[in-house]
Amino acid sequence: MKFQVLSLINHAPHPLTHEQLSPADRFEEVLAVGEAAERLGFDAYSIGERHAGAFLSSSPTAVLGALAARTSRIKLLTGVTVVAILDPVRVAEDFATLDQISRGRIELVVGKGAEAGHFDLFGLDEARQWDLQKEKYELLRRLWTEEGVDWEGEFRPPLHQVTTVPRPYAGPPRIWHGSATSLNSPELAAKHGDPLFTANAIQPREAYAKLIDHYRERFVAYGHDPARAHVAAGSGGLLIADTAEQAVTRYKEVYEARVRQNFKPHLEGRAGYNTPFRTIEDAIADGPQLIGSPQQIIDKILGYHQVYRHDLQSITVDGFGLDRAEQMETLHRFSEEIAPIVRKEAPTTLWDA
């Protein structure tokens, strides 16, 4: 298995102390964690995109550019690029530029995004979100695979003989499809033979397994080699302690305070927005969150792997208010005590040369 670190660049106050880094210091923390992830042998570092709520990730291209300059090996992903609200021409240009700067280390995870407010912000109809997603993704795909593109659609002016520049570094970057609640993204990924990135962050395992099973079934139905049906999975946060008891003692208060802080009452009942695992005991027992001893976390990842057969596991170390030293400690422990065992037990060909 491969491993990535994901940051949505959360900028909410600490759920207990209410302390908050300045935006500049928060960005520096994200970049430092990215450098540490490369040193510790992680395979990828991912930056989210949010345009509403307590986040600083409205411009992931800028953050990824800084990461490209401060790293040399690690792959740089998005999580997700909200292509439904963006101009595909701009996306093609921005990320091809990043691909050149990083010498081919960029991959996109595209999706409609997890913040309901961004469609209004960009003057778009949320009811048309899947139509927006499909049309804009398919134009982006053509812009990266073709030159002299002629195109006409519903959501932007037509194009005539357009070749976006720069071209990607060594062919089109891989595009994953982020999948959280709907069969639309797995279907689009399967149609085009693309990999699937399941959020695996809030809902019970069965909800995500349904999306992955649909993806794999449709991937074959569209005539693609099932060996190419790569899947990645999120985790909803990582908290490591020596024992399960210590994990509860150390993190119960901060975990449950963050759940209360993140609760969105206006979205209650909509899948994918509010976690049902509101106590740390529930999260450890049944949630996608990776909380507990190293062996507990190994067992949970491998348990998900039995169901998902995923190639890439994403972890997040800055979602519950850990300071930079605690984030670094968590990354180090994961790389030393968890990753080697999971890599051995769940091999993959993803990103093999």
Protein backbone atom coordinates (compact mmCIF):
# COMPACT_ATOMS: atom_id res chain seq x y z
CA MET A 1 0.00 0.00 0.00
CA LYS A 2 1.02 3.61 -0.61
CA PHE A 3 0.42 6.41 1.88
CA GLN A 4 -0.38 10.09 1.57
CA VAL A 5 -0.85 12.93 4.02
CA LEU A 6 -3.85 15.20 3.38
CA SER A 7 -4.44 18.71 4.70
CA LEU A 8 -7.62 20.71 4.17
CA ILE A 9 -5.76 23.58 5.91
CA ASN A 10 -8.36 23.77 8.64
CA HIS A 11 -8.28 27.20 10.33
CA ALA A 12 -10.83 26.81 13.09
CA PRO A 13 -9.75 27.79 16.61
CA HIS A 14 -8.46 24.95 18.78
CA PRO A 15 -11.65 23.22 20.02
CA LEU A 16 -10.55 23.39 23.67
CA THR A 17 -8.15 26.32 24.09
CA HIS A 18 -9.63 28.45 21.29
CA GLU A 19 -6.11 29.45 20.27
CA GLN A 20 -5.54 30.01 16.56
CA LEU A 21 -2.44 30.42 14.41
CA SER A 22 -2.22 33.35 12.05
CA PRO A 23 -2.86 32.41 8.40
CA ALA A 24 0.84 32.86 7.61
CA ASP A 25 1.89 30.58 10.46
CA ARG A 26 -0.74 28.01 9.49
CA PHE A 27 0.55 27.92 5.92
CA GLU A 28 4.10 27.50 7.20
CA GLU A 29 2.94 24.58 9.35
CA VAL A 30 1.36 22.89 6.30
CA LEU A 31 4.56 23.31 4.29
CA ALA A 32 6.72 21.99 7.15
CA VAL A 33 4.50 18.91 7.46
CA GLY A 34 4.84 18.36 3.71
CA GLU A 35 8.62 18.45 3.95
CA ALA A 36 8.50 16.02 6.89
CA ALA A 37 6.21 13.68 4.96
CA GLU A 38 8.80 13.45 2.20
CA ARG A 39 11.66 12.84 4.67
CA LEU A 40 9.67 10.10 6.40
CA GLY A 41 8.98 8.20 3.19
CA PHE A 42 5.32 9.01 2.55
CA ASP A 43 4.39 8.65 -1.11
CA ALA A 44 2.20 11.72 -1.55
CA TYR A 45 1.05 14.95 0.06
CA SER A 46 -2.39 16.34 -0.74
CA ILE A 47 -3.96 19.77 -0.36
CA GLY A 48 -7.72 20.20 -0.29
CA GLU A 49 -9.83 22.98 -1.78
CA ARG A 50 -12.50 24.77 0.22
CA HIS A 51 -14.15 28.10 -0.51
CA ALA A 52 -16.39 28.28 2.55
CA GLY A 53 -16.02 27.54 6.23
CA ALA A 54 -12.98 27.69 8.51
CA PHE A 55 -10.34 26.74 5.95
CA LEU A 56 -7.39 28.40 4.19
CA SER A 57 -7.39 26.13 1.16
CA SER A 58 -9.13 28.33 -1.39
CA SER A 59 -5.95 28.44 -3.53
CA PRO A 60 -4.41 24.95 -3.50
CA THR A 61 -2.31 25.69 -6.59
CA ALA A 62 -0.35 28.32 -4.66
CA VAL A 63 0.27 25.95 -1.74
CA LEU A 64 1.25 23.08 -4.04
CA GLY A 65 3.65 25.40 -5.86
CA ALA A 66 5.38 26.17 -2.57
CA LEU A 67 5.48 22.45 -1.76
CA ALA A 68 6.94 21.68 -5.18
CA ALA A 69 9.77 24.11 -4.46
CA ARG A 70 10.47 22.60 -1.03
CA THR A 71 10.33 18.91 -1.99
CA SER A 72 11.86 16.77 -4.72
CA ARG A 73 10.34 13.28 -4.64
CA ILE A 74 6.91 13.14 -3.04
CA LYS A 75 3.85 13.20 -5.29
CA LEU A 76 1.61 16.25 -4.94
CA LEU A 77 -2.15 15.68 -5.08
CA THR A 78 -5.32 17.67 -4.59
CA GLY A 79 -8.12 16.65 -2.33
CA VAL A 80 -10.29 17.63 -4.14
CA THR A 81 -10.03 20.04 -7.04
CA VAL A 82 -13.59 21.36 -7.17
CA VAL A 83 -13.80 21.19 -10.95
CA ALA A 84 -17.59 21.70 -10.89
CA ILE A 85 -17.17 25.39 -9.95
CA LEU A 86 -13.97 26.10 -11.94
CA ASP A 87 -13.10 26.91 -15.53
CA PRO A 88 -11.48 23.78 -17.04
CA VAL A 89 -9.17 25.93 -19.19
CA ARG A 90 -7.81 27.59 -16.06
CA VAL A 91 -7.49 24.24 -14.29
CA ALA A 92 -5.60 22.77 -17.27
CA GLU A 93 -3.21 25.74 -17.33
CA ASP A 94 -2.61 25.97 -13.57
CA PHE A 95 -1.98 22.31 -12.94
CA ALA A 96 0.10 21.78 -16.08
CA THR A 97 2.27 24.63 -14.80
CA LEU A 98 2.58 22.88 -11.45
CA ASP A 99 3.31 19.63 -13.26
CA GLN A 100 6.20 21.27 -15.10
CA ILE A 101 7.57 22.94 -11.94
CA SER A 102 7.42 19.66 -10.01
CA ARG A 103 8.72 17.63 -12.99
CA GLY A 104 5.71 15.36 -13.24
CA ARG A 105 4.71 14.95 -9.60
CA ILE A 106 1.17 16.40 -9.86
CA GLU A 107 -2.03 14.33 -9.77
CA LEU A 108 -5.56 15.67 -9.44
CA VAL A 109 -8.45 14.35 -7.40
CA VAL A 110 -11.54 16.02 -8.85
CA GLY A 111 -14.93 16.30 -7.23
CA LYS A 112 -17.88 18.54 -6.55
CA GLY A 113 -16.55 19.43 -3.11
CA ALA A 114 -17.87 18.92 0.42
CA GLU A 115 -18.98 22.49 1.19
CA ALA A 116 -22.50 23.22 -0.02
CA GLY A 117 -21.92 27.01 -0.04
CA HIS A 118 -19.43 27.22 -2.85
CA PHE A 119 -21.97 26.91 -5.67
CA ASP A 120 -23.71 30.11 -4.54
CA LEU A 121 -20.34 31.82 -4.11
CA PHE A 122 -19.50 31.21 -7.76
CA GLY A 123 -23.01 31.96 -9.01
CA LEU A 124 -23.83 28.37 -9.90
CA ASP A 125 -26.91 26.25 -9.33
CA GLU A 126 -26.18 23.50 -6.82
CA ALA A 127 -29.02 21.48 -8.33
CA ARG A 128 -26.91 21.17 -11.49
CA GLN A 129 -23.77 20.07 -9.64
CA TRP A 130 -23.41 16.70 -11.36
CA ASP A 131 -24.02 18.17 -14.81
CA LEU A 132 -21.36 20.79 -14.06
CA GLN A 133 -18.98 18.12 -12.79
CA LYS A 134 -19.34 15.85 -15.82
CA GLU A 135 -19.07 18.52 -18.49
CA LYS A 136 -16.12 20.33 -16.91
CA TYR A 137 -14.20 17.15 -16.15
CA GLU A 138 -14.60 15.85 -19.69
CA LEU A 139 -13.40 19.17 -21.13
CA LEU A 140 -10.38 19.15 -18.82
CA ARG A 141 -9.57 15.63 -19.96
CA ARG A 142 -9.64 16.70 -23.62
CA LEU A 143 -7.53 19.79 -22.96
CA TRP A 144 -4.78 17.59 -21.50
CA THR A 145 -4.93 14.82 -24.10
CA GLU A 146 -5.54 16.82 -27.29
CA GLU A 147 -4.28 19.91 -29.08
CA GLY A 148 -6.38 22.18 -31.27
CA VAL A 149 -9.54 21.37 -29.29
CA ASP A 150 -12.93 22.29 -30.75
CA TRP A 151 -15.62 22.11 -28.07
CA GLU A 152 -19.10 23.36 -27.28
CA GLY A 153 -21.06 22.80 -24.09
CA GLU A 154 -23.58 24.31 -21.71
CA PHE A 155 -21.56 25.95 -18.95
CA ARG A 156 -18.86 28.00 -20.68
CA PRO A 157 -18.31 29.64 -24.10
CA PRO A 158 -17.28 27.37 -27.01
CA LEU A 159 -13.64 26.71 -27.83
CA HIS A 160 -12.13 26.67 -31.31
CA GLN A 161 -8.70 25.18 -32.01
CA VAL A 162 -7.54 25.67 -28.41
CA THR A 163 -4.25 24.25 -27.14
CA THR A 164 -3.66 25.12 -23.49
CA VAL A 165 -0.14 25.98 -22.41
CA PRO A 166 2.02 24.82 -20.90
CA ARG A 167 1.45 21.22 -21.82
CA PRO A 168 1.85 18.75 -18.92
CA TYR A 169 5.37 17.58 -18.11
CA ALA A 170 5.25 14.02 -19.48
CA GLY A 171 1.74 13.37 -20.64
CA PRO A 172 -1.53 14.09 -18.85
CA PRO A 173 -1.36 13.83 -15.04
CA ARG A 174 -3.44 11.07 -13.53
CA ILE A 175 -6.93 12.26 -12.52
CA TRP A 176 -8.71 10.54 -9.64
CA HIS A 177 -12.41 11.01 -8.89
CA GLY A 178 -13.32 11.90 -5.34
CA SER A 179 -16.31 9.90 -4.11
CA ALA A 180 -18.24 10.49 -0.89
CA THR A 181 -21.99 9.94 -1.18
CA SER A 182 -23.16 9.54 -4.77
CA LEU A 183 -22.78 6.94 -7.51
CA ASN A 184 -22.15 9.74 -10.02
CA SER A 185 -18.42 10.03 -9.35
CA PRO A 186 -17.76 6.25 -9.40
CA GLU A 187 -19.69 6.06 -12.65
CA LEU A 188 -17.71 8.87 -14.27
CA ALA A 189 -14.42 7.37 -13.08
CA ALA A 190 -15.36 3.94 -14.41
CA LYS A 191 -16.48 5.32 -17.78
CA HIS A 192 -13.10 6.92 -18.41
CA GLY A 193 -10.95 4.22 -16.81
CA ASP A 194 -9.78 6.54 -14.03
CA PRO A 195 -8.97 5.69 -10.40
CA LEU A 196 -11.41 6.34 -7.55
CA PHE A 197 -10.66 8.16 -4.28
CA THR A 198 -13.26 7.34 -1.65
CA ALA A 199 -13.60 9.90 1.14
CA ASN A 200 -13.94 7.24 3.87
CA ALA A 201 -14.12 10.07 6.37
CA ILE A 202 -17.56 10.31 7.97
CA GLN A 203 -19.98 7.53 7.05
CA PRO A 204 -19.95 3.84 8.04
CA ARG A 205 -17.85 1.46 5.96
CA GLU A 206 -20.84 -0.01 4.14
CA ALA A 207 -21.69 3.32 2.50
CA TYR A 208 -18.25 3.64 0.91
CA ALA A 209 -18.09 -0.05 0.03
CA LYS A 210 -21.26 0.39 -2.03
CA LEU A 211 -19.61 3.17 -4.07
CA ILE A 212 -16.42 1.17 -4.60
CA ASP A 213 -18.29 -1.98 -5.62
CA HIS A 214 -20.27 0.04 -8.16
CA TYR A 215 -17.05 1.52 -9.51
CA ARG A 216 -15.34 -1.84 -9.96
CA GLU A 217 -18.41 -3.39 -11.60
CA ARG A 218 -18.85 -0.50 -14.02
CA PHE A 219 -15.10 -0.26 -14.72
CA VAL A 220 -15.21 -3.76 -16.20
CA ALA A 221 -18.54 -3.13 -17.94
CA TYR A 222 -16.95 -0.21 -19.80
CA GLY A 223 -14.27 -2.58 -21.09
CA HIS A 224 -11.31 -1.56 -18.91
CA ASP A 225 -8.72 -3.90 -17.41
CA PRO A 226 -9.76 -4.46 -13.77
CA ALA A 227 -6.09 -4.46 -12.76
CA ARG A 228 -6.12 -0.73 -13.51
CA ALA A 229 -9.06 0.01 -11.19
CA HIS A 230 -6.99 1.71 -8.49
CA VAL A 231 -8.77 2.87 -5.34
CA ALA A 232 -7.68 5.23 -2.57
CA ALA A 233 -9.31 5.82 0.80
CA GLY A 234 -9.35 8.61 3.34
CA SER A 235 -9.44 8.12 7.09
CA GLY A 236 -11.17 10.94 8.93
CA GLY A 237 -8.09 11.72 11.04
CA LEU A 238 -5.19 9.99 12.78
CA LEU A 239 -4.44 9.90 16.50
CA ILE A 240 -1.83 7.44 17.85
CA ALA A 241 -1.13 6.39 21.45
CA ASP A 242 0.66 3.43 22.99
CA THR A 243 -2.58 1.69 23.97
CA ALA A 244 -6.30 2.00 23.33
CA GLU A 245 -6.80 3.22 26.90
CA GLN A 246 -4.16 5.92 26.46
CA ALA A 247 -5.73 7.01 23.20
CA VAL A 248 -9.06 7.56 24.91
CA THR A 249 -7.46 9.35 27.87
CA ARG A 250 -5.27 11.59 25.71
CA TYR A 251 -7.67 12.45 22.90
CA LYS A 252 -11.28 11.99 24.08
CA GLU A 253 -11.89 15.59 25.06
CA VAL A 254 -10.30 17.14 21.97
CA TYR A 255 -11.87 14.65 19.55
CA GLU A 256 -15.38 15.16 20.86
CA ALA A 257 -14.96 18.94 21.08
CA ARG A 258 -13.88 19.04 17.42
CA VAL A 259 -16.91 16.93 16.42
CA ARG A 260 -19.18 19.44 18.17
CA GLN A 261 -17.34 22.34 16.56
CA ASN A 262 -17.68 20.83 13.07
CA PHE A 263 -21.36 19.94 13.46
CA LYS A 264 -23.52 21.54 10.75
CA PRO A 265 -27.13 21.63 12.00
CA HIS A 266 -28.46 22.95 8.68
CA LEU A 267 -27.06 19.84 6.96
CA GLU A 268 -28.25 17.31 9.52
CA GLY A 269 -29.63 14.31 7.68
CA ARG A 270 -27.58 14.88 4.52
CA ALA A 271 -25.05 12.10 4.08
CA GLY A 272 -21.38 13.06 4.23
CA TYR A 273 -21.55 16.23 6.31
CA ASN A 274 -21.88 15.24 9.99
CA THR A 275 -20.15 12.23 11.48
CA PRO A 276 -22.35 9.75 13.33
CA PHE A 277 -19.29 8.76 15.40
CA ARG A 278 -19.56 11.50 18.00
CA THR A 279 -17.74 9.83 20.86
CA ILE A 280 -14.15 8.67 20.61
CA GLU A 281 -15.20 5.17 21.66
CA ASP A 282 -17.60 4.99 18.70
CA ALA A 283 -14.94 6.33 16.36
CA ILE A 284 -12.39 3.74 17.50
CA ALA A 285 -14.87 0.87 17.30
CA ASP A 286 -16.72 1.61 14.06
CA GLY A 287 -15.62 4.89 12.47
CA PRO A 288 -13.13 5.46 9.66
CA GLN A 289 -10.96 7.52 12.00
CA LEU A 290 -7.59 5.93 12.77
CA ILE A 291 -7.40 6.27 16.53
CA GLY A 292 -5.69 3.99 19.01
CA SER A 293 -2.53 1.96 19.36
CA PRO A 294 -0.34 1.20 16.35
CA GLN A 295 -1.71 -2.36 16.21
CA GLN A 296 -5.30 -1.12 16.34
CA ILE A 297 -4.62 1.22 13.44
CA ILE A 298 -2.87 -1.51 11.44
CA ASP A 299 -5.84 -3.81 11.99
CA LYS A 300 -8.32 -1.12 10.98
CA ILE A 301 -6.49 -0.22 7.75
CA LEU A 302 -6.16 -3.87 6.80
CA GLY A 303 -9.82 -4.41 7.67
CA TYR A 304 -10.78 -1.66 5.27
CA HIS A 305 -8.41 -3.12 2.71
CA GLN A 306 -10.23 -6.45 2.85
CA VAL A 307 -13.41 -4.64 1.76
CA TYR A 308 -12.05 -1.85 -0.45
CA ARG A 309 -8.90 -3.49 -1.86
CA HIS A 310 -7.46 0.01 -1.92
CA ASP A 311 -3.96 0.93 -3.10
CA LEU A 312 -3.51 4.28 -1.36
CA GLN A 313 -4.33 5.19 2.24
CA SER A 314 -4.69 8.87 3.09
CA ILE A 315 -4.11 10.16 6.62
CA THR A 316 -4.69 13.56 8.21
CA VAL A 317 -2.72 14.78 11.22
CA ASP A 318 -3.99 18.35 11.53
CA GLY A 319 -7.73 17.81 11.80
CA PHE A 320 -8.15 17.65 15.59
CA GLY A 321 -6.06 20.57 16.81
CA LEU A 322 -2.67 18.90 17.25
CA ASP A 323 0.17 21.41 17.32
CA ARG A 324 3.10 21.12 14.93
CA ALA A 325 5.23 19.03 17.29
CA GLU A 326 2.35 16.59 17.85
CA GLN A 327 1.70 16.37 14.11
CA MET A 328 5.37 15.55 13.50
CA GLU A 329 5.33 12.93 16.28
CA THR A 330 2.23 11.34 14.73
CA LEU A 331 3.77 11.24 11.25
CA HIS A 332 6.96 9.72 12.61
CA ARG A 333 5.16 7.03 14.58
CA PHE A 334 2.98 6.14 11.59
CA SER A 335 5.99 5.87 9.29
CA GLU A 336 7.96 3.74 11.73
CA GLU A 337 5.34 1.57 13.45
CA ILE A 338 2.41 1.24 11.05
CA ALA A 339 3.31 1.89 7.40
CA PRO A 340 5.97 -0.86 6.99
CA ILE A 341 3.62 -3.58 8.22
CA VAL A 342 0.68 -2.44 6.08
CA ARG A 343 2.92 -2.09 3.01
CA LYS A 344 4.02 -5.69 3.45
CA GLU A 345 0.51 -7.05 4.03
CA ALA A 346 -1.17 -5.07 1.24
CA PRO A 347 1.19 -4.70 -1.76
CA THR A 348 0.20 -2.56 -4.74
CA THR A 349 1.49 -1.66 -8.19
CA LEU A 350 0.31 1.96 -7.92
CA TRP A 351 3.10 4.37 -8.86
CA ASP A 352 5.53 1.60 -9.66
CA ALA A 353 7.95 2.80 -12.32
